[in-house]
Amino acid sequence: MRRVLKWTGIALLAIFAIAFGVGCYFMGGPKDLYGFLRYARPQWHDTKLHIGDAAPDATLYSLDGHSTFRIRDHIGSRPLILIFGSYT
């Protein structure tokens, strides 16, 4: 029985190490993986949105940084591209 527990522990540790390595690779490093697990993961929630549903309405800033617009006002008139990110 002890032998089974030992090998189970080693297998679980190996799985954890592999998952940690893969997570660090995809997130950019251990610090980024920790930030993701600490701050982003708890805020995930089950959503009622499905593929093909209309985008939820939101008020966003324009490129000038001062004026705002609502997504709903621009849907359907022409393509709307939203870029979320920082280019610094």
N, C-alpha and C. Protein backbone atom coordinates (compact mmCIF):
# COMPACT_ATOMS: atom_id res chain seq x y z
N MET A 1 0.82 -1.19 0.00
CA MET A 1 0.00 0.00 0.00
C MET A 1 0.87 1.26 0.00
N ARG A 2 1.94 1.21 0.78
CA ARG A 2 2.84 2.36 0.85
C ARG A 2 3.48 2.65 -0.50
N ARG A 3 3.79 1.59 -1.19
CA ARG A 3 4.42 1.73 -2.49
C ARG A 3 3.47 2.41 -3.49
N VAL A 4 2.20 2.06 -3.44
CA VAL A 4 1.20 2.67 -4.32
C VAL A 4 1.05 4.15 -4.01
N LEU A 5 1.01 4.50 -2.73
CA LEU A 5 0.90 5.91 -2.36
C LEU A 5 2.13 6.70 -2.80
N LYS A 6 3.29 6.09 -2.69
CA LYS A 6 4.53 6.75 -3.11
C LYS A 6 4.48 7.05 -4.61
N TRP A 7 4.12 6.05 -5.41
CA TRP A 7 4.09 6.25 -6.86
C TRP A 7 2.95 7.19 -7.28
N THR A 8 1.87 7.16 -6.55
CA THR A 8 0.77 8.10 -6.83
C THR A 8 1.23 9.52 -6.55
N GLY A 9 1.93 9.72 -5.46
CA GLY A 9 2.46 11.05 -5.14
C GLY A 9 3.46 11.53 -6.16
N ILE A 10 4.33 10.64 -6.59
CA ILE A 10 5.32 11.01 -7.61
C ILE A 10 4.62 11.35 -8.92
N ALA A 11 3.61 10.58 -9.31
CA ALA A 11 2.87 10.85 -10.55
C ALA A 11 2.15 12.19 -10.47
N LEU A 12 1.52 12.46 -9.33
CA LEU A 12 0.83 13.75 -9.18
C LEU A 12 1.81 14.91 -9.21
N LEU A 13 2.96 14.76 -8.58
CA LEU A 13 3.98 15.80 -8.60
C LEU A 13 4.49 16.03 -10.03
N ALA A 14 4.68 14.94 -10.78
CA ALA A 14 5.13 15.07 -12.18
C ALA A 14 4.07 15.78 -13.02
N ILE A 15 2.82 15.43 -12.82
CA ILE A 15 1.73 16.09 -13.56
C ILE A 15 1.68 17.58 -13.22
N PHE A 16 1.82 17.90 -11.94
CA PHE A 16 1.82 19.31 -11.52
C PHE A 16 3.00 20.05 -12.14
N ALA A 17 4.19 19.44 -12.15
CA ALA A 17 5.38 20.08 -12.72
C ALA A 17 5.20 20.32 -14.22
N ILE A 18 4.65 19.35 -14.91
CA ILE A 18 4.42 19.51 -16.35
C ILE A 18 3.39 20.61 -16.60
N ALA A 19 2.30 20.61 -15.84
CA ALA A 19 1.27 21.65 -16.00
C ALA A 19 1.86 23.02 -15.70
N PHE A 20 2.69 23.11 -14.68
CA PHE A 20 3.32 24.39 -14.34
C PHE A 20 4.24 24.85 -15.47
N GLY A 21 5.03 23.93 -16.02
CA GLY A 21 5.92 24.29 -17.13
C GLY A 21 5.15 24.74 -18.37
N VAL A 22 4.09 24.04 -18.70
CA VAL A 22 3.28 24.41 -19.87
C VAL A 22 2.61 25.77 -19.62
N GLY A 23 2.09 25.96 -18.41
CA GLY A 23 1.46 27.25 -18.08
C GLY A 23 2.45 28.39 -18.16
N CYS A 24 3.66 28.19 -17.65
CA CYS A 24 4.69 29.24 -17.72
C CYS A 24 5.07 29.53 -19.16
N TYR A 25 5.14 28.50 -19.97
CA TYR A 25 5.48 28.69 -21.38
C TYR A 25 4.43 29.54 -22.09
N PHE A 26 3.16 29.21 -21.89
CA PHE A 26 2.10 29.93 -22.60
C PHE A 26 1.81 31.30 -22.00
N MET A 27 2.04 31.49 -20.72
CA MET A 27 1.77 32.78 -20.08
C MET A 27 2.96 33.72 -20.14
N GLY A 28 4.13 33.22 -20.44
CA GLY A 28 5.29 34.09 -20.56
C GLY A 28 6.24 34.00 -19.38
N GLY A 29 5.95 33.21 -18.39
CA GLY A 29 6.85 33.04 -17.26
C GLY A 29 6.08 32.80 -15.98
N PRO A 30 6.79 32.41 -14.93
CA PRO A 30 6.11 32.10 -13.67
C PRO A 30 5.38 33.29 -13.06
N LYS A 31 5.95 34.48 -13.20
CA LYS A 31 5.30 35.68 -12.65
C LYS A 31 3.97 35.93 -13.34
N ASP A 32 3.93 35.80 -14.65
CA ASP A 32 2.69 36.01 -15.40
C ASP A 32 1.67 34.91 -15.11
N LEU A 33 2.13 33.69 -14.96
CA LEU A 33 1.23 32.60 -14.60
C LEU A 33 0.62 32.83 -13.24
N TYR A 34 1.44 33.27 -12.29
CA TYR A 34 0.93 33.57 -10.95
C TYR A 34 -0.10 34.70 -11.02
N GLY A 35 0.19 35.76 -11.78
CA GLY A 35 -0.76 36.87 -11.92
C GLY A 35 -2.07 36.41 -12.53
N PHE A 36 -1.99 35.54 -13.52
CA PHE A 36 -3.21 35.01 -14.14
C PHE A 36 -4.03 34.23 -13.12
N LEU A 37 -3.37 33.32 -12.42
CA LEU A 37 -4.09 32.49 -11.46
C LEU A 37 -4.62 33.31 -10.29
N ARG A 38 -3.90 34.35 -9.91
CA ARG A 38 -4.28 35.15 -8.74
C ARG A 38 -5.40 36.14 -9.06
N TYR A 39 -5.34 36.79 -10.22
CA TYR A 39 -6.26 37.88 -10.50
C TYR A 39 -7.31 37.59 -11.56
N ALA A 40 -6.94 36.89 -12.62
CA ALA A 40 -7.89 36.67 -13.72
C ALA A 40 -8.81 35.49 -13.47
N ARG A 41 -8.27 34.41 -13.00
CA ARG A 41 -9.06 33.19 -12.83
C ARG A 41 -10.26 33.36 -11.90
N PRO A 42 -10.14 34.01 -10.74
CA PRO A 42 -11.32 34.13 -9.87
C PRO A 42 -12.45 34.95 -10.47
N GLN A 43 -12.15 35.76 -11.48
CA GLN A 43 -13.20 36.61 -12.03
C GLN A 43 -13.91 35.97 -13.21
N TRP A 44 -13.50 34.80 -13.63
CA TRP A 44 -14.23 34.08 -14.67
C TRP A 44 -15.58 33.68 -14.10
N HIS A 45 -16.57 33.67 -14.93
CA HIS A 45 -17.88 33.23 -14.50
C HIS A 45 -18.62 32.63 -15.68
N ASP A 46 -19.61 31.84 -15.37
CA ASP A 46 -20.40 31.22 -16.41
C ASP A 46 -21.25 32.30 -17.07
N THR A 47 -21.17 32.40 -18.34
CA THR A 47 -21.90 33.45 -19.06
C THR A 47 -23.03 32.85 -19.88
N LYS A 48 -23.96 33.67 -20.20
CA LYS A 48 -25.09 33.21 -21.01
C LYS A 48 -24.89 33.52 -22.49
N LEU A 49 -23.73 34.09 -22.85
CA LEU A 49 -23.44 34.38 -24.24
C LEU A 49 -23.05 33.11 -24.98
N HIS A 50 -23.50 33.00 -26.20
CA HIS A 50 -23.16 31.87 -27.05
C HIS A 50 -22.71 32.40 -28.40
N ILE A 51 -22.09 31.56 -29.19
CA ILE A 51 -21.64 31.96 -30.51
C ILE A 51 -22.84 32.40 -31.33
N GLY A 52 -22.71 33.57 -31.95
CA GLY A 52 -23.78 34.11 -32.77
C GLY A 52 -24.66 35.12 -32.04
N ASP A 53 -24.54 35.21 -30.71
CA ASP A 53 -25.32 36.19 -29.95
C ASP A 53 -24.78 37.60 -30.22
N ALA A 54 -25.64 38.58 -30.05
CA ALA A 54 -25.22 39.97 -30.21
C ALA A 54 -24.27 40.34 -29.08
N ALA A 55 -23.32 41.20 -29.39
CA ALA A 55 -22.36 41.65 -28.38
C ALA A 55 -23.07 42.49 -27.32
N PRO A 56 -22.67 42.34 -26.07
CA PRO A 56 -23.27 43.19 -25.04
C PRO A 56 -22.90 44.64 -25.28
N ASP A 57 -23.79 45.52 -24.96
CA ASP A 57 -23.54 46.94 -25.19
C ASP A 57 -22.59 47.47 -24.13
N ALA A 58 -21.70 48.35 -24.55
CA ALA A 58 -20.75 48.97 -23.63
C ALA A 58 -20.38 50.34 -24.17
N THR A 59 -19.99 51.23 -23.29
CA THR A 59 -19.51 52.55 -23.69
C THR A 59 -17.99 52.50 -23.72
N LEU A 60 -17.40 52.87 -24.86
CA LEU A 60 -15.95 52.80 -25.06
C LEU A 60 -15.40 54.15 -25.46
N TYR A 61 -14.10 54.33 -25.24
CA TYR A 61 -13.42 55.55 -25.66
C TYR A 61 -12.97 55.42 -27.11
N SER A 62 -13.04 56.53 -27.86
CA SER A 62 -12.55 56.56 -29.23
C SER A 62 -11.04 56.66 -29.23
N LEU A 63 -10.45 56.66 -30.42
CA LEU A 63 -9.00 56.74 -30.53
C LEU A 63 -8.43 58.04 -29.99
N ASP A 64 -9.22 59.11 -30.00
CA ASP A 64 -8.71 60.38 -29.47
C ASP A 64 -8.60 60.37 -27.95
N GLY A 65 -9.24 59.42 -27.30
CA GLY A 65 -9.14 59.28 -25.85
C GLY A 65 -10.11 60.13 -25.06
N HIS A 66 -10.88 60.97 -25.74
CA HIS A 66 -11.80 61.86 -25.03
C HIS A 66 -13.27 61.53 -25.32
N SER A 67 -13.59 61.35 -26.58
CA SER A 67 -14.99 61.09 -26.92
C SER A 67 -15.31 59.61 -26.71
N THR A 68 -16.56 59.33 -26.43
CA THR A 68 -17.00 57.95 -26.19
C THR A 68 -18.06 57.57 -27.23
N PHE A 69 -18.27 56.29 -27.37
CA PHE A 69 -19.34 55.79 -28.23
C PHE A 69 -19.84 54.49 -27.67
N ARG A 70 -21.02 54.11 -28.08
CA ARG A 70 -21.62 52.85 -27.64
C ARG A 70 -21.51 51.83 -28.77
N ILE A 71 -21.22 50.58 -28.41
CA ILE A 71 -21.09 49.53 -29.41
C ILE A 71 -22.38 49.39 -30.21
N ARG A 72 -23.51 49.46 -29.54
CA ARG A 72 -24.81 49.28 -30.19
C ARG A 72 -25.01 50.28 -31.33
N ASP A 73 -24.48 51.50 -31.20
CA ASP A 73 -24.65 52.53 -32.23
C ASP A 73 -23.91 52.20 -33.52
N HIS A 74 -22.90 51.34 -33.45
CA HIS A 74 -22.07 51.07 -34.62
C HIS A 74 -22.23 49.68 -35.20
N ILE A 75 -23.01 48.83 -34.58
CA ILE A 75 -23.20 47.47 -35.10
C ILE A 75 -24.08 47.52 -36.34
N GLY A 76 -23.59 46.94 -37.42
CA GLY A 76 -24.37 46.83 -38.64
C GLY A 76 -24.09 47.91 -39.66
N SER A 77 -23.61 49.08 -39.25
CA SER A 77 -23.38 50.15 -40.22
C SER A 77 -22.14 49.87 -41.05
N ARG A 78 -21.08 49.43 -40.43
CA ARG A 78 -19.85 49.03 -41.11
C ARG A 78 -19.03 48.23 -40.10
N PRO A 79 -17.95 47.59 -40.55
CA PRO A 79 -17.19 46.76 -39.62
C PRO A 79 -16.67 47.56 -38.42
N LEU A 80 -16.77 46.96 -37.26
CA LEU A 80 -16.31 47.59 -36.02
C LEU A 80 -15.19 46.72 -35.47
N ILE A 81 -14.02 47.32 -35.28
CA ILE A 81 -12.86 46.60 -34.77
C ILE A 81 -12.53 47.14 -33.39
N LEU A 82 -12.52 46.25 -32.42
CA LEU A 82 -12.15 46.62 -31.06
C LEU A 82 -10.79 46.03 -30.76
N ILE A 83 -9.85 46.86 -30.34
CA ILE A 83 -8.51 46.41 -30.00
C ILE A 83 -8.31 46.64 -28.52
N PHE A 84 -8.13 45.55 -27.78
CA PHE A 84 -7.85 45.63 -26.37
C PHE A 84 -6.39 45.28 -26.16
N GLY A 85 -5.62 46.22 -25.72
CA GLY A 85 -4.22 45.94 -25.49
C GLY A 85 -3.43 47.20 -25.29
N SER A 86 -2.18 47.03 -25.00
CA SER A 86 -1.29 48.16 -24.77
C SER A 86 -0.10 48.01 -25.71
N TYR A 87 0.22 49.08 -26.37
CA TYR A 87 1.35 49.05 -27.31
C TYR A 87 2.42 50.01 -26.82
N THR A 88 2.85 49.79 -25.58
CA THR A 88 3.89 50.67 -25.03
C THR A 88 5.21 49.98 -25.01
